[in-house]
Amino acid sequence: MKRTHRNSHLRIYTPACPNGADQQYFAGKALDLLTGLASVVGFITAVAFLFIFA
């Protein structure tokens, strides 16, 4: 006979408010901000090199 084991160590986080942010919300926002900043710096650098060597 097969036995079903329940994972007691598995925890599901639910925010206090129905539309509340999860635990990784601010880390994701910071990563998005850093990625956007790196993209802008790379774009400005590429345009500067195009103007310098043109």
C-alpha atoms as a PDB file:
ATOM      1  CA  MET A   1       0.000   0.000   0.000  1.00  0.00           C
ATOM      2  CA  LYS A   2       1.328   3.454  -0.932  1.00  0.00           C
ATOM      3  CA  ARG A   3       1.716   6.102   1.708  1.00  0.00           C
ATOM      4  CA  THR A   4       1.385   9.821   1.079  1.00  0.00           C
ATOM      5  CA  HIS A   5       3.961  11.948   2.866  1.00  0.00           C
ATOM      6  CA  ARG A   6       3.232  15.558   3.570  1.00  0.00           C
ATOM      7  CA  ASN A   7       6.060  18.078   3.469  1.00  0.00           C
ATOM      8  CA  SER A   8       5.874  19.778   6.831  1.00  0.00           C
ATOM      9  CA  HIS A   9       9.001  21.845   6.083  1.00  0.00           C
ATOM     10  CA  LEU A  10       7.375  23.493   3.049  1.00  0.00           C
ATOM     11  CA  ARG A  11       6.135  26.944   4.008  1.00  0.00           C
ATOM     12  CA  ILE A  12       4.017  29.145   1.772  1.00  0.00           C
ATOM     13  CA  TYR A  13       4.279  32.853   2.507  1.00  0.00           C
ATOM     14  CA  THR A  14       1.056  34.818   2.328  1.00  0.00           C
ATOM     15  CA  PRO A  15       1.141  38.596   2.772  1.00  0.00           C
ATOM     16  CA  ALA A  16      -1.006  40.230   5.456  1.00  0.00           C
ATOM     17  CA  CYS A  17      -2.936  42.229   2.850  1.00  0.00           C
ATOM     18  CA  PRO A  18      -4.510  40.581  -0.208  1.00  0.00           C
ATOM     19  CA  ASN A  19      -2.494  42.778  -2.588  1.00  0.00           C
ATOM     20  CA  GLY A  20       0.620  42.940  -0.415  1.00  0.00           C
ATOM     21  CA  ALA A  21       4.118  42.581  -1.816  1.00  0.00           C
ATOM     22  CA  ASP A  22       5.947  39.283  -1.457  1.00  0.00           C
ATOM     23  CA  GLN A  23       9.361  38.877   0.170  1.00  0.00           C
ATOM     24  CA  GLN A  24      11.375  39.396  -3.026  1.00  0.00           C
ATOM     25  CA  TYR A  25       9.517  42.506  -4.236  1.00  0.00           C
ATOM     26  CA  PHE A  26      12.118  45.097  -3.241  1.00  0.00           C
ATOM     27  CA  ALA A  27      15.027  42.905  -4.341  1.00  0.00           C
ATOM     28  CA  GLY A  28      13.399  42.606  -7.774  1.00  0.00           C
ATOM     29  CA  LYS A  29      12.842  46.358  -7.949  1.00  0.00           C
ATOM     30  CA  ALA A  30      16.493  47.013  -7.036  1.00  0.00           C
ATOM     31  CA  LEU A  31      17.642  44.552  -9.689  1.00  0.00           C
ATOM     32  CA  ASP A  32      15.425  46.241 -12.291  1.00  0.00           C
ATOM     33  CA  LEU A  33      16.831  49.645 -11.334  1.00  0.00           C
ATOM     34  CA  LEU A  34      20.448  48.454 -11.540  1.00  0.00           C
ATOM     35  CA  THR A  35      19.833  46.770 -14.893  1.00  0.00           C
ATOM     36  CA  GLY A  36      18.247  49.927 -16.291  1.00  0.00           C
ATOM     37  CA  LEU A  37      21.091  52.064 -14.991  1.00  0.00           C
ATOM     38  CA  ALA A  38      23.692  49.757 -16.553  1.00  0.00           C
ATOM     39  CA  SER A  39      21.803  49.862 -19.862  1.00  0.00           C
ATOM     40  CA  VAL A  40      21.716  53.664 -19.873  1.00  0.00           C
ATOM     41  CA  VAL A  41      25.426  53.894 -19.066  1.00  0.00           C
ATOM     42  CA  GLY A  42      26.219  51.422 -21.846  1.00  0.00           C
ATOM     43  CA  PHE A  43      24.086  53.327 -24.352  1.00  0.00           C
ATOM     44  CA  ILE A  44      25.714  56.658 -23.468  1.00  0.00           C
ATOM     45  CA  THR A  45      29.172  55.083 -23.745  1.00  0.00           C
ATOM     46  CA  ALA A  46      28.364  53.602 -27.161  1.00  0.00           C
ATOM     47  CA  VAL A  47      27.023  56.914 -28.473  1.00  0.00           C
ATOM     48  CA  ALA A  48      30.082  58.750 -27.127  1.00  0.00           C
ATOM     49  CA  PHE A  49      32.430  56.354 -28.926  1.00  0.00           C
ATOM     50  CA  LEU A  50      30.445  56.752 -32.146  1.00  0.00           C
ATOM     51  CA  PHE A  51      30.791  60.547 -31.964  1.00  0.00           C
ATOM     52  CA  ILE A  52      34.465  60.415 -31.010  1.00  0.00           C
ATOM     53  CA  PHE A  53      35.526  58.052 -33.799  1.00  0.00           C
ATOM     54  CA  ALA A  54      33.214  59.426 -36.490  1.00  0.00           C
END
